[in-house]
Protein backbone atom coordinates (compact mmCIF):
# COMPACT_ATOMS: atom_id res chain seq x y z
CA UNK A 1 89.93 118.40 99.94
CA UNK A 2 90.04 120.51 102.94
CA UNK A 3 90.32 117.87 105.59
CA UNK A 4 93.29 116.20 103.17
CA UNK A 5 95.44 119.69 103.70
CA UNK A 6 94.24 120.23 107.23
CA UNK A 7 95.42 116.30 107.95
CA UNK A 8 99.01 117.10 105.98
CA UNK A 9 99.70 120.00 107.92
CA UNK A 10 98.76 118.06 111.77
CA UNK A 11 101.27 115.65 110.71
CA UNK A 12 103.78 117.83 109.34
CA UNK A 13 103.21 119.52 112.99
CA UNK A 14 103.57 116.44 114.72
CA UNK A 15 107.01 115.27 113.09
CA UNK A 16 108.21 118.66 113.83
CA UNK A 17 107.58 118.47 117.70
CA UNK A 18 109.12 115.19 117.65
CA UNK A 19 112.51 116.23 116.29
CA UNK A 20 112.23 115.12 112.65
CA UNK A 21 112.08 118.83 111.52
CA UNK A 22 115.02 121.28 110.86
CA UNK A 23 115.09 124.90 111.44
CA UNK A 24 114.93 126.80 108.04
CA UNK A 25 118.13 128.49 106.91
CA UNK A 26 116.42 131.79 105.50
CA UNK A 27 113.77 132.11 107.91
CA UNK A 28 114.62 132.36 111.70
CA UNK A 29 111.82 131.42 113.78
CA UNK A 30 110.23 128.63 110.55
CA UNK A 31 110.21 124.99 110.73
CA UNK A 32 111.14 123.12 107.41
CA UNK A 33 109.67 119.38 107.30
CA UNK A 34 110.72 117.92 104.16
CA UNK A 35 109.74 114.52 102.04
CA UNK A 36 106.31 114.05 103.57
CA UNK A 37 104.23 111.16 101.76
CA UNK A 38 101.00 112.19 101.66
CA UNK A 39 99.17 108.37 100.71
CA UNK A 40 98.64 106.48 103.49
CA UNK A 41 100.72 103.46 104.48
CA UNK A 42 98.19 101.48 102.70
CA UNK A 43 98.06 103.09 99.65
CA UNK A 44 101.82 103.58 99.65
CA UNK A 45 102.04 99.17 99.79
CA UNK A 46 99.96 99.22 96.39
CA UNK A 47 102.04 102.32 94.75
CA UNK A 48 104.99 101.83 92.33
CA UNK A 49 108.32 103.41 93.02
CA UNK A 50 107.50 106.50 90.65
CA UNK A 51 104.21 107.05 93.13
CA UNK A 52 106.10 106.66 95.80
CA UNK A 53 108.78 109.13 94.94
CA UNK A 54 107.17 112.00 93.42
CA UNK A 55 103.85 112.09 95.71
CA UNK A 56 105.87 113.76 98.36
CA UNK A 57 105.13 117.26 99.93
CA UNK A 58 107.60 119.97 101.76
CA UNK A 59 106.28 122.21 104.70
CA UNK A 60 107.48 125.27 105.84
CA UNK A 61 105.63 127.07 108.99
CA UNK A 62 106.08 129.92 111.45
CA UNK A 63 106.72 128.50 114.98
CA UNK A 64 106.89 132.36 116.72
CA UNK A 65 103.02 133.27 115.89
CA UNK A 66 99.74 131.43 115.91
CA UNK A 67 97.25 131.80 113.31
CA UNK A 68 98.87 132.08 110.04
CA UNK A 69 98.31 131.78 106.52
CA UNK A 70 98.82 129.02 104.66
CA UNK A 71 99.50 128.86 101.06
CA UNK A 72 99.30 125.01 99.28
CA UNK A 73 101.87 125.06 96.12
CA UNK A 74 101.85 123.08 93.17
CA UNK A 75 104.65 123.59 90.92
CA UNK A 76 103.59 124.84 86.77
CA UNK A 77 105.39 122.83 84.17
CA UNK A 78 102.03 121.70 82.61
CA UNK A 79 101.77 118.21 84.23
CA UNK A 80 105.20 117.46 82.33
CA UNK A 81 108.22 119.38 83.94
CA UNK A 82 109.23 120.83 87.21
CA UNK A 83 109.54 119.80 91.04
CA UNK A 84 108.29 120.80 94.62
CA UNK A 85 110.14 124.21 95.52
CA UNK A 86 108.99 126.34 98.35
CA UNK A 87 107.76 129.78 96.81
CA UNK A 88 108.82 133.39 98.71
CA UNK A 89 106.77 135.72 100.00
CA UNK A 90 109.43 137.76 101.91
CA UNK A 91 107.70 137.66 105.20
CA UNK A 92 108.21 133.72 107.47
CA UNK A 93 104.63 134.26 108.62
CA UNK A 94 102.84 132.73 105.72
CA UNK A 95 103.37 128.68 106.08
CA UNK A 96 104.24 126.79 102.69
CA UNK A 97 102.87 123.36 101.76
CA UNK A 98 105.22 122.46 98.02
CA UNK A 99 103.60 119.95 96.72
CA UNK A 100 105.36 117.26 94.24
CA UNK A 101 103.23 115.15 91.90
CA UNK A 102 103.34 112.61 89.03
CA UNK A 103 104.52 114.01 85.55
CA UNK A 104 103.19 113.10 82.10
CA UNK A 105 104.24 110.41 80.39
CA UNK A 106 104.89 108.19 83.71
CA UNK A 107 101.85 109.40 85.24
CA UNK A 108 98.88 108.50 83.44
CA UNK A 109 95.50 111.05 83.15
CA UNK A 110 93.58 111.41 86.33
CA UNK A 111 96.70 110.44 88.40
CA UNK A 112 98.62 113.51 88.02
CA UNK A 113 97.04 114.54 91.61
């Protein structure tokens, strides 16, 4: 699991360096990368449309310093409602990965994550 989050973060940083990311309006010195699929291309070929649309994440991270903390945020909703969104810490020096996932009843146990 730790390796998965590291891979997701590295991918998002690479996308940001390629110019795909856009600056965050609320936090100067941060970059936001949105709608990142977290399954491999091979897995997505076998996935249904619901999985392809739900299993994505958004990443916000500071660009003005290194060594920042990262929070991986899974929204609440009892596995039946909700959507990915950023939580605010009041400080732009914390990275946030906002993760979307399949919800019941469209997603079946154990496929929520």
